Protein backbone atom coordinates (compact mmCIF):
# COMPACT_ATOMS: atom_id res chain seq x y z
CA UNK A 1 137.90 129.85 119.58
CA UNK A 2 136.35 132.40 117.24
CA UNK A 3 137.25 130.33 114.19
CA UNK A 4 135.59 127.26 115.64
CA UNK A 5 132.43 129.23 116.35
CA UNK A 6 132.28 130.87 112.94
CA UNK A 7 132.77 127.64 110.96
CA UNK A 8 129.48 126.00 112.04
CA UNK A 9 127.65 129.26 111.31
CA UNK A 10 129.10 129.45 107.80
CA UNK A 11 128.40 125.79 107.20
CA UNK A 12 124.81 126.18 108.38
CA UNK A 13 124.32 129.10 105.99
CA UNK A 14 125.65 127.03 103.09
CA UNK A 15 123.45 124.13 104.18
CA UNK A 16 120.38 126.39 104.32
CA UNK A 17 121.19 127.85 100.90
CA UNK A 18 121.25 124.31 99.50
CA UNK A 19 118.02 123.41 101.29
CA UNK A 20 116.39 126.58 99.97
CA UNK A 21 117.50 125.70 96.44
CA UNK A 22 115.87 122.28 96.79
CA UNK A 23 112.68 123.91 98.11
CA UNK A 24 112.61 126.33 95.18
CA UNK A 25 113.19 123.47 92.79
CA UNK A 26 110.50 121.38 94.44
CA UNK A 27 108.06 124.28 94.15
CA UNK A 28 108.10 124.15 90.34
CA UNK A 29 108.59 120.44 89.69
CA UNK A 30 105.41 118.59 88.72
CA UNK A 31 104.16 116.48 91.60
CA UNK A 32 106.61 117.90 94.15
CA UNK A 33 105.52 120.24 96.94
CA UNK A 34 107.83 122.96 98.20
CA UNK A 35 105.87 122.79 101.44
CA UNK A 36 106.84 119.14 101.89
CA UNK A 37 110.52 120.05 101.66
CA UNK A 38 109.95 122.91 104.12
CA UNK A 39 108.66 120.28 106.54
CA UNK A 40 111.46 117.79 105.98
CA UNK A 41 114.08 120.53 106.46
CA UNK A 42 112.46 121.67 109.71
CA UNK A 43 111.53 125.24 108.70
CA UNK A 44 107.81 124.80 108.09
CA UNK A 45 106.70 125.98 111.53
CA UNK A 46 108.99 129.03 111.34
CA UNK A 47 107.50 130.00 107.97
CA UNK A 48 103.95 129.49 109.23
CA UNK A 49 104.60 131.63 112.32
CA UNK A 50 105.97 134.39 110.08
CA UNK A 51 103.01 134.21 107.68
CA UNK A 52 100.51 134.14 110.55
CA UNK A 53 102.06 137.16 112.35
CA UNK A 54 104.42 138.92 109.89
CA UNK A 55 104.78 142.15 111.89
CA UNK A 56 105.28 140.47 115.24
CA UNK A 57 107.75 137.85 114.01
CA UNK A 58 109.58 139.81 111.31
CA UNK A 59 112.72 140.62 113.33
CA UNK A 60 113.06 137.18 114.88
CA UNK A 61 112.10 134.96 111.94
CA UNK A 62 113.25 136.71 108.76
CA UNK A 63 117.00 136.65 109.64
CA UNK A 64 116.75 132.88 110.12
CA UNK A 65 115.03 132.47 106.74
CA UNK A 66 117.22 134.75 104.61
CA UNK A 67 119.56 131.94 103.41
CA UNK A 68 116.52 129.76 102.72
CA UNK A 69 114.83 132.55 100.73
CA UNK A 70 117.95 133.26 98.70
CA UNK A 71 118.44 129.57 97.98
CA UNK A 72 114.76 129.25 97.14
CA UNK A 73 115.01 132.03 94.57
CA UNK A 74 118.06 130.37 93.03
CA UNK A 75 116.28 127.03 92.93
CA UNK A 76 113.07 128.51 91.54
CA UNK A 77 114.71 130.60 88.82
CA UNK A 78 118.12 129.02 88.26
CA UNK A 79 118.34 125.36 89.19
CA UNK A 80 114.83 124.69 87.92
CA UNK A 81 115.79 126.03 84.50
CA UNK A 82 119.05 124.07 84.56
CA UNK A 83 117.27 120.82 85.37
CA UNK A 84 114.44 121.42 82.88
CA UNK A 85 116.47 119.46 80.33
CA UNK A 86 116.81 116.46 82.63
CA UNK A 87 113.14 116.61 83.60
CA UNK A 88 112.18 116.60 79.94
CA UNK A 89 114.59 113.86 78.93
CA UNK A 90 114.53 111.76 82.11
CA UNK A 91 111.33 112.69 83.98
CA UNK A 92 110.88 109.37 85.78
CA UNK A 93 114.47 109.21 87.00
CA UNK A 94 114.32 112.81 88.24
CA UNK A 95 111.12 112.16 90.17
CA UNK A 96 112.65 109.01 91.69
CA UNK A 97 115.49 111.15 93.03
CA UNK A 98 113.01 113.45 94.79
CA UNK A 99 110.96 110.53 96.06
CA UNK A 100 114.13 109.16 97.60
CA UNK A 101 114.92 112.55 99.13
CA UNK A 102 111.50 112.77 100.78
CA UNK A 103 111.56 109.11 101.88
CA UNK A 104 114.96 109.60 103.46
CA UNK A 105 113.65 112.49 105.56
CA UNK A 106 110.67 110.56 106.96
CA UNK A 107 112.61 109.38 110.05
CA UNK A 108 113.37 113.00 110.98
CA UNK A 109 109.71 113.90 110.39
CA UNK A 110 108.57 111.20 112.81
CA UNK A 111 111.21 112.33 115.29
CA UNK A 112 110.01 115.94 115.15
CA UNK A 113 106.34 114.93 115.24
CA UNK A 114 106.92 113.04 118.47
CA UNK A 115 108.71 115.86 120.28
CA UNK A 116 105.62 116.53 122.41
CA UNK A 117 104.60 112.92 122.81
CA UNK A 118 102.62 110.51 120.67
CA UNK A 119 99.17 108.98 121.14
CA UNK A 120 96.87 106.65 119.24
CA UNK A 121 95.10 109.78 118.03
CA UNK A 122 98.33 110.84 116.32
CA UNK A 123 98.31 107.75 114.09
CA UNK A 124 94.56 108.10 113.49
CA UNK A 125 95.17 111.66 112.30
CA UNK A 126 97.95 110.43 110.01
CA UNK A 127 95.74 107.71 108.55
CA UNK A 128 92.82 110.07 107.89
CA UNK A 129 95.11 112.59 106.18
CA UNK A 130 96.60 109.86 104.00
CA UNK A 131 93.16 108.63 102.96
CA UNK A 132 91.95 112.13 102.08
CA UNK A 133 95.03 112.93 99.98
CA UNK A 134 94.94 109.57 98.21
CA UNK A 135 91.28 110.19 97.34
CA UNK A 136 91.81 113.79 96.23
CA UNK A 137 94.93 113.19 94.12
CA UNK A 138 93.45 109.99 92.73
CA UNK A 139 90.35 111.87 91.61
CA UNK A 140 92.45 114.63 90.02
CA UNK A 141 94.46 112.00 88.17
CA UNK A 142 91.35 110.35 86.80
CA UNK A 143 89.56 113.59 85.91
CA UNK A 144 90.28 115.00 82.46
CA UNK A 145 88.90 118.54 82.64
CA UNK A 146 90.42 121.26 80.43
CA UNK A 147 89.52 124.92 80.89
CA UNK A 148 90.42 128.26 79.32
CA UNK A 149 92.76 130.32 81.53
CA UNK A 150 91.50 133.78 82.55
CA UNK A 151 91.79 136.25 85.46
CA UNK A 152 89.60 134.14 87.73
CA UNK A 153 91.49 130.94 87.04
CA UNK A 154 94.82 132.66 87.67
CA UNK A 155 93.43 133.73 91.04
CA UNK A 156 92.86 130.02 91.61
CA UNK A 157 96.47 129.32 90.53
CA UNK A 158 97.70 131.74 93.19
CA UNK A 159 95.50 129.99 95.75
CA UNK A 160 97.02 126.62 94.79
CA UNK A 161 100.57 128.00 94.93
CA UNK A 162 100.07 129.37 98.45
CA UNK A 163 98.26 126.21 99.50
CA UNK A 164 101.27 124.13 98.46
CA UNK A 165 103.29 125.94 101.15
CA UNK A 166 100.60 126.13 103.83
CA UNK A 167 99.46 122.52 103.32
CA UNK A 168 102.58 120.40 102.62
CA UNK A 169 102.00 117.67 100.08
CA UNK A 170 99.46 119.70 98.13
CA UNK A 171 101.66 120.39 95.10
CA UNK A 172 100.15 123.19 93.03
CA UNK A 173 101.28 121.40 89.87
CA UNK A 174 99.28 118.33 90.90
CA UNK A 175 96.18 120.49 91.27
CA UNK A 176 96.70 122.54 88.10
CA UNK A 177 97.88 119.91 85.62
CA UNK A 178 94.54 118.06 85.35
CA UNK A 179 92.88 121.42 84.60
CA UNK A 180 95.38 122.43 81.90
CA UNK A 181 96.54 125.44 83.93
CA UNK A 182 100.05 124.35 84.94
CA UNK A 183 101.89 125.14 81.69
CA UNK A 184 100.40 128.62 81.05
CA UNK A 185 100.84 129.55 84.72
CA UNK A 186 104.51 128.51 84.89
CA UNK A 187 105.21 130.10 81.50
CA UNK A 188 103.64 133.32 82.76
CA UNK A 189 105.87 133.32 85.82
CA UNK A 190 108.96 132.60 83.72
CA UNK A 191 108.19 135.44 81.31
CA UNK A 192 107.08 137.87 84.07
CA UNK A 193 103.62 138.20 82.50
CA UNK A 194 101.80 140.60 84.84
CA UNK A 195 98.43 139.55 83.41
CA UNK A 196 99.16 136.26 85.19
CA UNK A 197 101.36 137.44 88.07
CA UNK A 198 98.88 140.04 89.39
CA UNK A 199 95.83 137.76 89.81
CA UNK A 200 98.07 134.92 91.02
CA UNK A 201 99.65 137.25 93.59
CA UNK A 202 96.22 138.39 94.79
CA UNK A 203 95.05 134.78 95.11
CA UNK A 204 98.20 133.74 97.00
CA UNK A 205 98.05 136.72 99.37
CA UNK A 206 94.37 136.16 100.14
CA UNK A 207 95.06 132.48 100.84
CA UNK A 208 97.91 133.29 103.22
CA UNK A 209 95.82 135.88 105.08
CA UNK A 210 92.86 133.51 105.44
CA UNK A 211 94.65 130.26 106.24
CA UNK A 212 98.07 130.98 107.78
CA UNK A 213 96.74 132.03 111.20
CA UNK A 214 94.38 129.06 111.34
CA UNK A 215 97.13 126.57 110.49
CA UNK A 216 99.56 128.16 112.97
CA UNK A 217 96.92 128.04 115.73
CA UNK A 218 96.31 124.39 114.88
CA UNK A 219 99.98 123.65 115.51
CA UNK A 220 100.01 125.60 118.76
CA UNK A 221 97.04 123.73 120.23
CA UNK A 222 97.18 120.33 118.50
CA UNK A 223 100.84 119.82 117.64
CA UNK A 224 100.78 116.00 117.66
CA UNK A 225 97.64 115.65 115.57
CA UNK A 226 98.62 118.38 113.10
CA UNK A 227 102.17 117.17 112.57
CA UNK A 228 101.16 113.52 112.15
CA UNK A 229 98.48 114.63 109.68
CA UNK A 230 101.20 116.38 107.68
CA UNK A 231 103.25 113.17 107.70
CA UNK A 232 100.20 111.39 106.29
CA UNK A 233 99.93 114.05 103.58
CA UNK A 234 103.63 113.74 102.74
CA UNK A 235 103.46 109.94 102.48
CA UNK A 236 100.32 109.94 100.31
CA UNK A 237 101.54 112.74 98.03
CA UNK A 238 104.90 111.01 97.62
CA UNK A 239 103.38 107.62 96.79
CA UNK A 240 101.14 109.27 94.18
CA UNK A 241 104.09 110.70 92.22
CA UNK A 242 106.13 107.46 92.08
CA UNK A 243 106.44 106.56 88.37
CA UNK A 244 105.41 102.92 88.81
CA UNK A 245 105.00 102.36 85.06
CA UNK A 246 108.65 103.18 84.40
CA UNK A 247 109.72 100.26 86.60
CA UNK A 248 108.14 97.84 84.11
CA UNK A 249 109.75 99.27 80.96
CA UNK A 250 113.00 97.31 81.24
CA UNK A 251 115.38 95.84 83.75
CA UNK A 252 117.94 98.57 83.12
CA UNK A 253 115.38 101.34 83.67
CA UNK A 254 114.29 99.69 86.91
CA UNK A 255 117.89 99.58 88.13
CA UNK A 256 118.42 103.24 87.21
CA UNK A 257 115.24 104.28 89.04
CA UNK A 258 116.24 102.28 92.11
CA UNK A 259 119.74 103.77 92.02
CA UNK A 260 118.39 107.32 92.05
CA UNK A 261 115.92 106.42 94.80
CA UNK A 262 118.86 105.23 96.90
CA UNK A 263 120.90 108.34 96.04
CA UNK A 264 117.99 110.52 97.18
CA UNK A 265 117.61 108.59 100.43
CA UNK A 266 121.33 108.78 101.19
CA UNK A 267 121.42 112.51 100.40
CA UNK A 268 118.43 113.09 102.71
CA UNK A 269 120.05 111.13 105.54
CA UNK A 270 123.25 113.16 105.15
CA UNK A 271 121.27 116.42 105.24
CA UNK A 272 119.42 115.24 108.34
CA UNK A 273 122.73 114.29 109.98
CA UNK A 274 124.13 117.78 109.46
CA UNK A 275 120.83 119.33 110.59
CA UNK A 276 121.27 117.58 113.92
CA UNK A 277 125.02 118.16 114.26
CA UNK A 278 125.18 121.81 113.24
CA UNK A 279 123.67 123.96 116.02
CA UNK A 280 120.83 126.31 115.14
CA UNK A 281 121.52 129.92 116.03
CA UNK A 282 118.71 131.52 118.01
């Protein structure tokens, strides 16, 4: 009996390590939001509750998140570096894989969003969120503003990084790339440049303190509206990163992109299957 009980626990840990690695990878990939993957893997609310009340929820929430945090560090520092080659050589194909992963998790998102019922207001909330994100990301894509990085702008980078977790779909790379801040910011993190890490850390901490409680309260009181709004954000942000131009390059490139989209969808469905089958320890 003990072996049967321990196996699911070990498998869940391995599953969470893998999910954390994907979240860490998504956090640094251009156009991908780590917060989106937190949502699709069902840990977003746990993270928000911890950020909103770290002292109150430390003992109950941190043990659940340890495998995710370890996997996230591996993904952020290890897997991201390993896949840098593929992202440089095959950027469109790599993004298609992640688009497929997110698309494949949409059914589970809708399932979780409807846990407390669904109303017409839920879909209205989703539609409004989609429209706002389409407008914002579309404007950032059109704008061609380049600035000189300094302490103040690295504070802004930290704000964007924290926002990408608190507001799923708001990839910090999507916000920073049009401003010319993405490359120096990521290089600074990779080289442990404290002239960048310190202001970014201050900006991220201030953002978490100011917004985490508000977002958590929003979920507590308006779960349906908030969760469906997040689905709208996820859909809009995902559509905006699809490399449509690469589908017109050649027939072979189109087939490759479609193949990796399908692989991502299948992988997401498998992850969702195991999420439902493997019991969560409370």
